[in-house]
């Protein structure tokens, strides 16, 4: 008689049917994802587990447990002083853009140019036809960090570091890579946003489906994240859509609140960018091109970030300060310049 695999209990919990299935507890989620990351499961179990979660939709406890399991396995090098691997803001980037350029990159780099350390992490090329953070940073001349020594060096030089997911967790990157095989995104796309490898006090999270805002916010509370903002961003990234009212869920300690940021532009729908020319990011920074939408996206995204950081108290103050930071930028050099 074949021995029952220890991971099968988690699949059974999720797949018992509508009347008997339930969500995993935070402890069960942490244990299950730990087994997946350590390679203690069969390939068939990976697909079954991820798709059962996708069908059920993840709970805050599951998102938190999965993210904590990843954090359990992140080992920062001991030969790098801890203060060199500190960031003020953790900025996740896992969706990719297909209708508009990733203007949030300029928001993050502008924040870095003003003295705040930003650590961005993400993945790319999981969905055809999208523009991803990594290729845009390459175009801007911003180095990509493939190890934590490079993270420390880039944070020290530019107050900004981007690390691809495979440099953080190869097993997690492999699971995201299953999308073309499974045909659907998996929960990995959701909880990877919350791994916050450097334990930055502020997290910026963009999602695509409105129903995930409360899930991520409550997961943040379960993970004791000091400050977090999650909102439905353009293309699923942490980028404000300037023509629409933006509902933001905020976490500060154990306090959960909602804010409604008014539209910046009068036009609610923006026509897709047909060219998606990533060179336009640098051109817009230098003032060589003019786009009301792009400037509003940069300023609006930055405004949410600085309010989440506690640098201002009101929406009006946040937008004013973000606009001043944008207007005062050094246009003579690319954002990557120290």
C-alpha atoms as a PDB file:
ATOM      1  CA  UNK A   1       0.000   0.000   0.000  1.00  0.00           C
ATOM      2  CA  UNK A   2       1.426   3.366  -1.062  1.00  0.00           C
ATOM      3  CA  UNK A   3       2.211   5.738   1.784  1.00  0.00           C
ATOM      4  CA  UNK A   4       0.177   8.949   1.870  1.00  0.00           C
ATOM      5  CA  UNK A   5       2.305  11.968   0.992  1.00  0.00           C
ATOM      6  CA  UNK A   6       2.560  14.473   3.878  1.00  0.00           C
ATOM      7  CA  UNK A   7       1.622  17.377   1.588  1.00  0.00           C
ATOM      8  CA  UNK A   8      -1.638  15.731   0.504  1.00  0.00           C
ATOM      9  CA  UNK A   9      -3.409  16.927   3.651  1.00  0.00           C
ATOM     10  CA  UNK A  10      -3.268  20.511   2.400  1.00  0.00           C
ATOM     11  CA  UNK A  11      -4.742  19.588  -0.968  1.00  0.00           C
ATOM     12  CA  UNK A  12      -7.494  17.659   0.833  1.00  0.00           C
ATOM     13  CA  UNK A  13      -8.412  20.697   2.945  1.00  0.00           C
ATOM     14  CA  UNK A  14      -8.849  22.826  -0.176  1.00  0.00           C
ATOM     15  CA  UNK A  15     -10.506  20.225  -2.390  1.00  0.00           C
ATOM     16  CA  UNK A  16     -13.153  18.522  -0.263  1.00  0.00           C
ATOM     17  CA  UNK A  17     -15.986  20.264  -2.047  1.00  0.00           C
ATOM     18  CA  UNK A  18     -18.156  23.307  -1.395  1.00  0.00           C
ATOM     19  CA  UNK A  19     -19.556  22.105   1.902  1.00  0.00           C
ATOM     20  CA  UNK A  20     -16.383  20.741   3.493  1.00  0.00           C
ATOM     21  CA  UNK A  21     -13.516  22.766   2.064  1.00  0.00           C
ATOM     22  CA  UNK A  22     -12.060  25.603   4.079  1.00  0.00           C
ATOM     23  CA  UNK A  23      -9.234  28.097   3.968  1.00  0.00           C
ATOM     24  CA  UNK A  24      -5.885  27.150   5.394  1.00  0.00           C
ATOM     25  CA  UNK A  25      -4.875  28.697   8.692  1.00  0.00           C
ATOM     26  CA  UNK A  26      -1.834  30.955   8.747  1.00  0.00           C
ATOM     27  CA  UNK A  27       0.169  28.115  10.328  1.00  0.00           C
ATOM     28  CA  UNK A  28      -0.970  25.591   7.714  1.00  0.00           C
ATOM     29  CA  UNK A  29      -0.222  28.051   4.911  1.00  0.00           C
ATOM     30  CA  UNK A  30       3.251  28.691   6.233  1.00  0.00           C
ATOM     31  CA  UNK A  31       3.955  24.963   6.532  1.00  0.00           C
ATOM     32  CA  UNK A  32       2.569  24.160   3.090  1.00  0.00           C
ATOM     33  CA  UNK A  33       4.487  26.900   1.287  1.00  0.00           C
ATOM     34  CA  UNK A  34       7.637  25.959   3.190  1.00  0.00           C
ATOM     35  CA  UNK A  35       7.355  22.426   1.807  1.00  0.00           C
ATOM     36  CA  UNK A  36       6.850  23.776  -1.712  1.00  0.00           C
ATOM     37  CA  UNK A  37       9.871  26.046  -1.469  1.00  0.00           C
ATOM     38  CA  UNK A  38      12.086  23.279  -0.111  1.00  0.00           C
ATOM     39  CA  UNK A  39      11.098  20.919  -2.922  1.00  0.00           C
ATOM     40  CA  UNK A  40       9.348  18.461  -0.619  1.00  0.00           C
ATOM     41  CA  UNK A  41       6.350  17.978  -2.927  1.00  0.00           C
ATOM     42  CA  UNK A  42       5.580  16.244  -6.195  1.00  0.00           C
ATOM     43  CA  UNK A  43       5.061  18.331  -9.338  1.00  0.00           C
ATOM     44  CA  UNK A  44       1.431  17.180  -9.597  1.00  0.00           C
ATOM     45  CA  UNK A  45       0.804  18.470  -6.099  1.00  0.00           C
ATOM     46  CA  UNK A  46       2.115  21.922  -6.975  1.00  0.00           C
ATOM     47  CA  UNK A  47      -0.389  22.388  -9.785  1.00  0.00           C
ATOM     48  CA  UNK A  48      -3.294  20.942  -7.821  1.00  0.00           C
ATOM     49  CA  UNK A  49      -2.551  23.101  -4.786  1.00  0.00           C
ATOM     50  CA  UNK A  50      -2.145  26.350  -6.708  1.00  0.00           C
ATOM     51  CA  UNK A  51      -5.256  25.887  -8.823  1.00  0.00           C
ATOM     52  CA  UNK A  52      -7.453  24.866  -5.892  1.00  0.00           C
ATOM     53  CA  UNK A  53      -6.373  28.078  -4.175  1.00  0.00           C
ATOM     54  CA  UNK A  54      -7.043  30.031  -7.366  1.00  0.00           C
ATOM     55  CA  UNK A  55     -10.553  28.588  -7.593  1.00  0.00           C
ATOM     56  CA  UNK A  56     -11.321  29.276  -3.930  1.00  0.00           C
ATOM     57  CA  UNK A  57      -9.496  32.647  -3.835  1.00  0.00           C
ATOM     58  CA  UNK A  58      -6.939  33.313  -1.156  1.00  0.00           C
ATOM     59  CA  UNK A  59      -7.730  34.438   2.380  1.00  0.00           C
ATOM     60  CA  UNK A  60      -5.677  36.966   4.376  1.00  0.00           C
ATOM     61  CA  UNK A  61      -4.393  34.102   6.528  1.00  0.00           C
ATOM     62  CA  UNK A  62      -3.190  32.213   3.467  1.00  0.00           C
ATOM     63  CA  UNK A  63      -1.512  35.247   1.904  1.00  0.00           C
ATOM     64  CA  UNK A  64       0.226  36.032   5.196  1.00  0.00           C
ATOM     65  CA  UNK A  65       1.283  32.428   5.792  1.00  0.00           C
ATOM     66  CA  UNK A  66       2.688  32.023   2.289  1.00  0.00           C
ATOM     67  CA  UNK A  67       4.629  35.284   2.489  1.00  0.00           C
ATOM     68  CA  UNK A  68       6.000  34.402   5.916  1.00  0.00           C
ATOM     69  CA  UNK A  69       7.200  31.041   4.572  1.00  0.00           C
ATOM     70  CA  UNK A  70       9.207  32.869   1.922  1.00  0.00           C
ATOM     71  CA  UNK A  71      10.621  35.238   4.525  1.00  0.00           C
ATOM     72  CA  UNK A  72      11.620  32.209   6.613  1.00  0.00           C
ATOM     73  CA  UNK A  73      13.930  31.143   3.800  1.00  0.00           C
ATOM     74  CA  UNK A  74      15.407  34.539   2.965  1.00  0.00           C
ATOM     75  CA  UNK A  75      18.880  34.616   4.454  1.00  0.00           C
ATOM     76  CA  UNK A  76      20.539  38.006   4.242  1.00  0.00           C
ATOM     77  CA  UNK A  77      24.346  37.733   4.054  1.00  0.00           C
ATOM     78  CA  UNK A  78      25.995  38.069   7.452  1.00  0.00           C
ATOM     79  CA  UNK A  79      29.044  39.759   5.973  1.00  0.00           C
ATOM     80  CA  UNK A  80      26.974  42.808   4.971  1.00  0.00           C
ATOM     81  CA  UNK A  81      26.266  45.231   7.838  1.00  0.00           C
ATOM     82  CA  UNK A  82      22.498  45.217   8.511  1.00  0.00           C
ATOM     83  CA  UNK A  83      22.228  48.988   8.130  1.00  0.00           C
ATOM     84  CA  UNK A  84      23.353  48.643   4.503  1.00  0.00           C
ATOM     85  CA  UNK A  85      20.322  46.470   3.737  1.00  0.00           C
ATOM     86  CA  UNK A  86      17.728  48.846   5.111  1.00  0.00           C
ATOM     87  CA  UNK A  87      15.058  50.463   2.967  1.00  0.00           C
ATOM     88  CA  UNK A  88      12.369  53.006   3.768  1.00  0.00           C
ATOM     89  CA  UNK A  89       9.903  51.647   1.207  1.00  0.00           C
ATOM     90  CA  UNK A  90       9.297  48.176  -0.229  1.00  0.00           C
ATOM     91  CA  UNK A  91       7.747  48.480  -3.701  1.00  0.00           C
ATOM     92  CA  UNK A  92       6.478  45.325  -5.399  1.00  0.00           C
ATOM     93  CA  UNK A  93       6.159  45.027  -9.185  1.00  0.00           C
ATOM     94  CA  UNK A  94       4.678  41.769 -10.441  1.00  0.00           C
ATOM     95  CA  UNK A  95       2.032  42.552 -13.045  1.00  0.00           C
ATOM     96  CA  UNK A  96       3.636  44.272 -16.017  1.00  0.00           C
ATOM     97  CA  UNK A  97       1.952  46.965 -18.106  1.00  0.00           C
ATOM     98  CA  UNK A  98       0.196  46.673 -21.459  1.00  0.00           C
ATOM     99  CA  UNK A  99      -1.915  49.863 -21.810  1.00  0.00           C
ATOM    100  CA  UNK A 100       0.342  52.515 -20.288  1.00  0.00           C
ATOM    101  CA  UNK A 101       4.039  52.762 -19.568  1.00  0.00           C
ATOM    102  CA  UNK A 102       5.122  52.039 -15.979  1.00  0.00           C
ATOM    103  CA  UNK A 103       5.191  55.635 -14.765  1.00  0.00           C
ATOM    104  CA  UNK A 104       5.418  54.401 -11.174  1.00  0.00           C
ATOM    105  CA  UNK A 105       9.108  53.776 -11.849  1.00  0.00           C
ATOM    106  CA  UNK A 106       9.657  57.533 -12.071  1.00  0.00           C
ATOM    107  CA  UNK A 107       7.687  57.980  -8.829  1.00  0.00           C
ATOM    108  CA  UNK A 108       9.952  55.521  -7.027  1.00  0.00           C
ATOM    109  CA  UNK A 109      13.137  56.977  -8.507  1.00  0.00           C
ATOM    110  CA  UNK A 110      12.017  60.505  -7.667  1.00  0.00           C
ATOM    111  CA  UNK A 111      11.466  59.441  -4.071  1.00  0.00           C
ATOM    112  CA  UNK A 112      14.980  57.980  -4.071  1.00  0.00           C
ATOM    113  CA  UNK A 113      16.428  61.197  -5.500  1.00  0.00           C
ATOM    114  CA  UNK A 114      14.899  62.989  -2.502  1.00  0.00           C
ATOM    115  CA  UNK A 115      16.856  60.894  -0.035  1.00  0.00           C
ATOM    116  CA  UNK A 116      14.562  57.949   0.731  1.00  0.00           C
ATOM    117  CA  UNK A 117      15.719  54.401   0.141  1.00  0.00           C
ATOM    118  CA  UNK A 118      13.431  52.346  -2.101  1.00  0.00           C
ATOM    119  CA  UNK A 119      13.737  48.595  -2.593  1.00  0.00           C
ATOM    120  CA  UNK A 120      11.754  47.265  -5.555  1.00  0.00           C
ATOM    121  CA  UNK A 121      11.302  43.599  -6.390  1.00  0.00           C
ATOM    122  CA  UNK A 122       9.319  41.822  -9.052  1.00  0.00           C
ATOM    123  CA  UNK A 123       9.253  39.435 -11.947  1.00  0.00           C
ATOM    124  CA  UNK A 124       8.816  39.655 -15.672  1.00  0.00           C
ATOM    125  CA  UNK A 125       7.936  37.980 -18.954  1.00  0.00           C
ATOM    126  CA  UNK A 126       5.228  35.743 -17.498  1.00  0.00           C
ATOM    127  CA  UNK A 127       2.568  37.272 -19.789  1.00  0.00           C
ATOM    128  CA  UNK A 128       3.240  38.101 -23.463  1.00  0.00           C
ATOM    129  CA  UNK A 129       2.661  41.646 -24.678  1.00  0.00           C
ATOM    130  CA  UNK A 130       3.522  43.442 -21.432  1.00  0.00           C
ATOM    131  CA  UNK A 131       6.243  45.890 -20.500  1.00  0.00           C
ATOM    132  CA  UNK A 132       8.086  45.026 -17.300  1.00  0.00           C
ATOM    133  CA  UNK A 133      10.045  46.981 -14.738  1.00  0.00           C
ATOM    134  CA  UNK A 134      13.379  45.327 -15.421  1.00  0.00           C
ATOM    135  CA  UNK A 135      13.580  46.271 -19.099  1.00  0.00           C
ATOM    136  CA  UNK A 136      12.570  49.841 -18.281  1.00  0.00           C
ATOM    137  CA  UNK A 137      15.257  50.145 -15.629  1.00  0.00           C
ATOM    138  CA  UNK A 138      17.781  48.854 -18.151  1.00  0.00           C
ATOM    139  CA  UNK A 139      16.681  51.578 -20.562  1.00  0.00           C
ATOM    140  CA  UNK A 140      17.053  54.203 -17.824  1.00  0.00           C
ATOM    141  CA  UNK A 141      20.504  52.956 -16.902  1.00  0.00           C
ATOM    142  CA  UNK A 142      19.411  51.783 -13.462  1.00  0.00           C
ATOM    143  CA  UNK A 143      21.372  48.668 -12.445  1.00  0.00           C
ATOM    144  CA  UNK A 144      19.539  45.487 -11.515  1.00  0.00           C
ATOM    145  CA  UNK A 145      20.727  43.781  -8.328  1.00  0.00           C
ATOM    146  CA  UNK A 146      21.241  40.036  -8.710  1.00  0.00           C
ATOM    147  CA  UNK A 147      22.515  39.545  -5.159  1.00  0.00           C
ATOM    148  CA  UNK A 148      22.304  41.327  -1.818  1.00  0.00           C
ATOM    149  CA  UNK A 149      25.801  42.785  -2.102  1.00  0.00           C
ATOM    150  CA  UNK A 150      24.629  44.644  -5.192  1.00  0.00           C
ATOM    151  CA  UNK A 151      21.456  45.674  -3.361  1.00  0.00           C
ATOM    152  CA  UNK A 152      23.594  47.247  -0.629  1.00  0.00           C
ATOM    153  CA  UNK A 153      25.807  48.988  -3.181  1.00  0.00           C
ATOM    154  CA  UNK A 154      22.901  50.369  -5.218  1.00  0.00           C
ATOM    155  CA  UNK A 155      21.011  51.556  -2.139  1.00  0.00           C
ATOM    156  CA  UNK A 156      24.165  53.362  -0.994  1.00  0.00           C
ATOM    157  CA  UNK A 157      24.789  54.927  -4.411  1.00  0.00           C
ATOM    158  CA  UNK A 158      21.296  55.717  -5.700  1.00  0.00           C
ATOM    159  CA  UNK A 159      18.935  55.088  -2.756  1.00  0.00           C
ATOM    160  CA  UNK A 160      17.246  52.604  -5.089  1.00  0.00           C
ATOM    161  CA  UNK A 161      17.668  48.908  -5.778  1.00  0.00           C
ATOM    162  CA  UNK A 162      15.654  46.498  -7.898  1.00  0.00           C
ATOM    163  CA  UNK A 163      15.956  42.758  -7.361  1.00  0.00           C
ATOM    164  CA  UNK A 164      14.286  40.184  -9.630  1.00  0.00           C
ATOM    165  CA  UNK A 165      12.333  37.431  -7.924  1.00  0.00           C
ATOM    166  CA  UNK A 166      14.708  34.671  -9.003  1.00  0.00           C
ATOM    167  CA  UNK A 167      17.469  36.333  -6.966  1.00  0.00           C
ATOM    168  CA  UNK A 168      15.194  36.250  -3.909  1.00  0.00           C
ATOM    169  CA  UNK A 169      13.621  32.818  -4.365  1.00  0.00           C
ATOM    170  CA  UNK A 170      14.206  30.596  -7.384  1.00  0.00           C
ATOM    171  CA  UNK A 171      11.400  28.174  -6.369  1.00  0.00           C
ATOM    172  CA  UNK A 172       8.938  31.073  -6.206  1.00  0.00           C
ATOM    173  CA  UNK A 173      10.005  32.284  -9.634  1.00  0.00           C
ATOM    174  CA  UNK A 174       9.489  28.740 -10.963  1.00  0.00           C
ATOM    175  CA  UNK A 175       5.946  28.683  -9.578  1.00  0.00           C
ATOM    176  CA  UNK A 176       5.093  31.975 -11.267  1.00  0.00           C
ATOM    177  CA  UNK A 177       6.538  30.471 -14.444  1.00  0.00           C
ATOM    178  CA  UNK A 178       3.787  27.838 -14.396  1.00  0.00           C
ATOM    179  CA  UNK A 179       1.198  30.353 -15.637  1.00  0.00           C
ATOM    180  CA  UNK A 180       1.521  29.373 -19.331  1.00  0.00           C
ATOM    181  CA  UNK A 181       1.134  25.720 -18.328  1.00  0.00           C
ATOM    182  CA  UNK A 182      -1.759  26.134 -15.897  1.00  0.00           C
ATOM    183  CA  UNK A 183      -3.486  28.800 -17.976  1.00  0.00           C
ATOM    184  CA  UNK A 184      -4.213  31.045 -14.990  1.00  0.00           C
ATOM    185  CA  UNK A 185      -2.275  33.191 -12.593  1.00  0.00           C
ATOM    186  CA  UNK A 186      -1.591  31.491  -9.307  1.00  0.00           C
ATOM    187  CA  UNK A 187      -1.665  32.855  -5.734  1.00  0.00           C
ATOM    188  CA  UNK A 188       2.077  33.403  -6.075  1.00  0.00           C
ATOM    189  CA  UNK A 189       1.358  36.610  -7.994  1.00  0.00           C
ATOM    190  CA  UNK A 190      -0.625  37.827  -4.983  1.00  0.00           C
ATOM    191  CA  UNK A 191       1.528  36.936  -2.005  1.00  0.00           C
ATOM    192  CA  UNK A 192       4.894  37.649  -3.669  1.00  0.00           C
ATOM    193  CA  UNK A 193       3.931  41.309  -3.408  1.00  0.00           C
ATOM    194  CA  UNK A 194       4.150  41.011   0.371  1.00  0.00           C
ATOM    195  CA  UNK A 195       7.460  39.239   0.969  1.00  0.00           C
ATOM    196  CA  UNK A 196       9.275  42.537   1.735  1.00  0.00           C
ATOM    197  CA  UNK A 197      12.765  40.941   1.889  1.00  0.00           C
ATOM    198  CA  UNK A 198      14.441  43.882   3.660  1.00  0.00           C
ATOM    199  CA  UNK A 199      11.587  44.385   6.162  1.00  0.00           C
ATOM    200  CA  UNK A 200      11.007  47.975   5.063  1.00  0.00           C
ATOM    201  CA  UNK A 201       8.532  49.787   7.346  1.00  0.00           C
ATOM    202  CA  UNK A 202       6.397  50.885   4.371  1.00  0.00           C
ATOM    203  CA  UNK A 203       4.945  48.651   1.661  1.00  0.00           C
ATOM    204  CA  UNK A 204       3.392  49.859  -1.591  1.00  0.00           C
ATOM    205  CA  UNK A 205       1.137  47.265  -3.220  1.00  0.00           C
ATOM    206  CA  UNK A 206      -0.845  47.527  -6.421  1.00  0.00           C
ATOM    207  CA  UNK A 207      -3.497  44.983  -7.361  1.00  0.00           C
ATOM    208  CA  UNK A 208      -5.764  44.498 -10.360  1.00  0.00           C
ATOM    209  CA  UNK A 209      -8.942  43.097  -8.794  1.00  0.00           C
ATOM    210  CA  UNK A 210     -10.700  45.326  -6.271  1.00  0.00           C
ATOM    211  CA  UNK A 211     -11.599  42.350  -4.062  1.00  0.00           C
ATOM    212  CA  UNK A 212      -7.967  41.784  -3.129  1.00  0.00           C
ATOM    213  CA  UNK A 213      -7.496  45.115  -1.360  1.00  0.00           C
ATOM    214  CA  UNK A 214      -8.958  43.979   1.939  1.00  0.00           C
ATOM    215  CA  UNK A 215      -7.180  40.621   1.636  1.00  0.00           C
ATOM    216  CA  UNK A 216      -3.748  42.227   1.319  1.00  0.00           C
ATOM    217  CA  UNK A 217      -4.482  44.857   3.941  1.00  0.00           C
ATOM    218  CA  UNK A 218      -5.599  42.290   6.505  1.00  0.00           C
ATOM    219  CA  UNK A 219      -2.664  40.052   5.614  1.00  0.00           C
ATOM    220  CA  UNK A 220      -0.422  43.016   6.373  1.00  0.00           C
ATOM    221  CA  UNK A 221      -1.938  43.286   9.834  1.00  0.00           C
ATOM    222  CA  UNK A 222      -1.398  39.563  10.425  1.00  0.00           C
ATOM    223  CA  UNK A 223       2.242  40.010   9.407  1.00  0.00           C
ATOM    224  CA  UNK A 224       2.697  43.019  11.723  1.00  0.00           C
ATOM    225  CA  UNK A 225       3.613  45.273   8.823  1.00  0.00           C
ATOM    226  CA  UNK A 226       3.961  48.809  10.289  1.00  0.00           C
ATOM    227  CA  UNK A 227       2.677  50.741   7.265  1.00  0.00           C
ATOM    228  CA  UNK A 228       1.064  49.540   4.052  1.00  0.00           C
ATOM    229  CA  UNK A 229      -1.069  50.913   1.255  1.00  0.00           C
ATOM    230  CA  UNK A 230      -2.828  48.777  -1.321  1.00  0.00           C
ATOM    231  CA  UNK A 231      -4.940  50.058  -4.182  1.00  0.00           C
ATOM    232  CA  UNK A 232      -6.234  49.057  -7.563  1.00  0.00           C
ATOM    233  CA  UNK A 233      -3.452  50.354  -9.757  1.00  0.00           C
ATOM    234  CA  UNK A 234      -3.116  50.760 -13.494  1.00  0.00           C
ATOM    235  CA  UNK A 235      -2.480  47.334 -14.969  1.00  0.00           C
ATOM    236  CA  UNK A 236      -2.253  45.835 -11.489  1.00  0.00           C
ATOM    237  CA  UNK A 237       0.889  47.749 -10.544  1.00  0.00           C
ATOM    238  CA  UNK A 238       1.258  50.279  -7.716  1.00  0.00           C
ATOM    239  CA  UNK A 239       0.464  53.188 -10.010  1.00  0.00           C
ATOM    240  CA  UNK A 240      -2.433  55.576  -9.525  1.00  0.00           C
ATOM    241  CA  UNK A 241      -4.894  55.946 -12.372  1.00  0.00           C
ATOM    242  CA  UNK A 242      -5.149  59.758 -12.534  1.00  0.00           C
ATOM    243  CA  UNK A 243      -8.482  59.892 -14.337  1.00  0.00           C
ATOM    244  CA  UNK A 244     -10.336  57.854 -11.706  1.00  0.00           C
ATOM    245  CA  UNK A 245     -11.103  58.079  -8.028  1.00  0.00           C
ATOM    246  CA  UNK A 246      -8.582  55.914  -6.199  1.00  0.00           C
ATOM    247  CA  UNK A 247      -9.695  53.872  -3.214  1.00  0.00           C
ATOM    248  CA  UNK A 248      -6.726  53.153  -0.963  1.00  0.00           C
ATOM    249  CA  UNK A 249      -6.677  50.702   1.940  1.00  0.00           C
ATOM    250  CA  UNK A 250      -4.134  51.732   4.558  1.00  0.00           C
ATOM    251  CA  UNK A 251      -2.542  49.811   7.403  1.00  0.00           C
ATOM    252  CA  UNK A 252      -0.799  51.657  10.204  1.00  0.00           C
ATOM    253  CA  UNK A 253       0.017  49.256  13.011  1.00  0.00           C
ATOM    254  CA  UNK A 254      -3.187  47.375  13.758  1.00  0.00           C
ATOM    255  CA  UNK A 255      -5.375  50.143  12.338  1.00  0.00           C
ATOM    256  CA  UNK A 256      -7.058  49.571   8.983  1.00  0.00           C
ATOM    257  CA  UNK A 257      -8.609  52.504   7.151  1.00  0.00           C
ATOM    258  CA  UNK A 258      -9.895  53.445   3.716  1.00  0.00           C
ATOM    259  CA  UNK A 259      -9.335  56.642   1.772  1.00  0.00           C
ATOM    260  CA  UNK A 260     -10.813  57.928  -1.467  1.00  0.00           C
ATOM    261  CA  UNK A 261      -8.353  59.981  -3.465  1.00  0.00           C
ATOM    262  CA  UNK A 262     -10.114  62.200  -6.042  1.00  0.00           C
ATOM    263  CA  UNK A 263      -9.320  61.987  -9.739  1.00  0.00           C
ATOM    264  CA  UNK A 264      -6.504  64.282 -10.867  1.00  0.00           C
ATOM    265  CA  UNK A 265      -7.625  64.517 -14.500  1.00  0.00           C
ATOM    266  CA  UNK A 266     -11.075  65.274 -15.849  1.00  0.00           C
ATOM    267  CA  UNK A 267     -10.841  62.530 -18.473  1.00  0.00           C
ATOM    268  CA  UNK A 268     -11.862  59.240 -16.766  1.00  0.00           C
ATOM    269  CA  UNK A 269     -10.597  56.951 -19.526  1.00  0.00           C
ATOM    270  CA  UNK A 270      -7.170  57.249 -21.097  1.00  0.00           C
ATOM    271  CA  UNK A 271      -6.580  55.837 -24.556  1.00  0.00           C
ATOM    272  CA  UNK A 272      -3.980  53.053 -24.581  1.00  0.00           C
ATOM    273  CA  UNK A 273      -0.444  53.995 -25.458  1.00  0.00           C
ATOM    274  CA  UNK A 274      -0.086  52.425 -28.873  1.00  0.00           C
ATOM    275  CA  UNK A 275       3.704  52.616 -29.018  1.00  0.00           C
ATOM    276  CA  UNK A 276       4.640  51.678 -25.421  1.00  0.00           C
ATOM    277  CA  UNK A 277       8.087  53.085 -26.137  1.00  0.00           C
ATOM    278  CA  UNK A 278      10.057  52.725 -22.919  1.00  0.00           C
ATOM    279  CA  UNK A 279      12.447  55.474 -24.053  1.00  0.00           C
ATOM    280  CA  UNK A 280       9.583  57.888 -23.311  1.00  0.00           C
ATOM    281  CA  UNK A 281      10.206  57.423 -19.583  1.00  0.00           C
ATOM    282  CA  UNK A 282      13.584  59.157 -19.747  1.00  0.00           C
ATOM    283  CA  UNK A 283      12.317  61.702 -22.256  1.00  0.00           C
ATOM    284  CA  UNK A 284       9.471  62.678 -19.959  1.00  0.00           C
ATOM    285  CA  UNK A 285      11.837  62.972 -16.984  1.00  0.00           C
ATOM    286  CA  UNK A 286      14.056  65.339 -18.972  1.00  0.00           C
ATOM    287  CA  UNK A 287      11.073  67.379 -20.150  1.00  0.00           C
ATOM    288  CA  UNK A 288      11.662  66.517 -23.799  1.00  0.00           C
ATOM    289  CA  UNK A 289       8.102  65.229 -24.121  1.00  0.00           C
ATOM    290  CA  UNK A 290       4.934  66.495 -22.537  1.00  0.00           C
ATOM    291  CA  UNK A 291       2.148  64.256 -21.285  1.00  0.00           C
ATOM    292  CA  UNK A 292      -0.457  65.437 -18.816  1.00  0.00           C
ATOM    293  CA  UNK A 293      -1.386  61.830 -18.104  1.00  0.00           C
ATOM    294  CA  UNK A 294       2.210  60.757 -17.409  1.00  0.00           C
ATOM    295  CA  UNK A 295       2.897  63.650 -15.046  1.00  0.00           C
ATOM    296  CA  UNK A 296      -0.373  63.041 -13.203  1.00  0.00           C
ATOM    297  CA  UNK A 297       0.419  59.330 -12.847  1.00  0.00           C
ATOM    298  CA  UNK A 298       3.899  60.065 -11.454  1.00  0.00           C
ATOM    299  CA  UNK A 299       2.687  62.755  -9.062  1.00  0.00           C
ATOM    300  CA  UNK A 300      -0.426  60.879  -7.981  1.00  0.00           C
ATOM    301  CA  UNK A 301       1.476  57.681  -7.234  1.00  0.00           C
ATOM    302  CA  UNK A 302       4.167  59.555  -5.336  1.00  0.00           C
ATOM    303  CA  UNK A 303       1.512  61.378  -3.312  1.00  0.00           C
ATOM    304  CA  UNK A 304       0.025  58.118  -2.023  1.00  0.00           C
ATOM    305  CA  UNK A 305       3.509  56.890  -1.160  1.00  0.00           C
ATOM    306  CA  UNK A 306       4.626  59.907   0.862  1.00  0.00           C
ATOM    307  CA  UNK A 307       1.344  59.946   2.784  1.00  0.00           C
ATOM    308  CA  UNK A 308       1.762  56.248   3.590  1.00  0.00           C
ATOM    309  CA  UNK A 309       5.258  57.088   4.842  1.00  0.00           C
ATOM    310  CA  UNK A 310       3.794  59.666   7.201  1.00  0.00           C
ATOM    311  CA  UNK A 311       5.647  62.591   5.597  1.00  0.00           C
ATOM    312  CA  UNK A 312       2.372  64.535   5.377  1.00  0.00           C
ATOM    313  CA  UNK A 313      -1.016  64.329   7.063  1.00  0.00           C
ATOM    314  CA  UNK A 314      -3.580  65.000   4.357  1.00  0.00           C
ATOM    315  CA  UNK A 315      -4.289  64.089   0.745  1.00  0.00           C
ATOM    316  CA  UNK A 316      -3.998  67.747  -0.249  1.00  0.00           C
ATOM    317  CA  UNK A 317      -0.578  68.094   1.412  1.00  0.00           C
ATOM    318  CA  UNK A 318       0.587  64.864  -0.212  1.00  0.00           C
ATOM    319  CA  UNK A 319      -0.348  65.964  -3.705  1.00  0.00           C
ATOM    320  CA  UNK A 320       1.201  69.397  -3.212  1.00  0.00           C
ATOM    321  CA  UNK A 321       4.480  67.960  -1.953  1.00  0.00           C
ATOM    322  CA  UNK A 322       4.603  65.339  -4.704  1.00  0.00           C
ATOM    323  CA  UNK A 323       4.055  68.013  -7.342  1.00  0.00           C
ATOM    324  CA  UNK A 324       6.838  70.131  -5.851  1.00  0.00           C
ATOM    325  CA  UNK A 325       9.198  67.165  -5.896  1.00  0.00           C
ATOM    326  CA  UNK A 326       8.379  66.544  -9.560  1.00  0.00           C
ATOM    327  CA  UNK A 327       8.735  70.198 -10.540  1.00  0.00           C
ATOM    328  CA  UNK A 328      12.055  70.488  -8.677  1.00  0.00           C
ATOM    329  CA  UNK A 329      13.644  67.354 -10.195  1.00  0.00           C
ATOM    330  CA  UNK A 330      16.999  67.660 -11.905  1.00  0.00           C
ATOM    331  CA  UNK A 331      16.019  67.280 -15.543  1.00  0.00           C
ATOM    332  CA  UNK A 332      19.617  67.389 -16.744  1.00  0.00           C
ATOM    333  CA  UNK A 333      20.304  63.798 -15.740  1.00  0.00           C
ATOM    334  CA  UNK A 334      18.468  60.508 -15.826  1.00  0.00           C
ATOM    335  CA  UNK A 335      16.886  59.280 -12.587  1.00  0.00           C
ATOM    336  CA  UNK A 336      19.663  56.718 -12.168  1.00  0.00           C
ATOM    337  CA  UNK A 337      22.373  59.321 -11.747  1.00  0.00           C
ATOM    338  CA  UNK A 338      23.687  59.656  -8.219  1.00  0.00           C
END
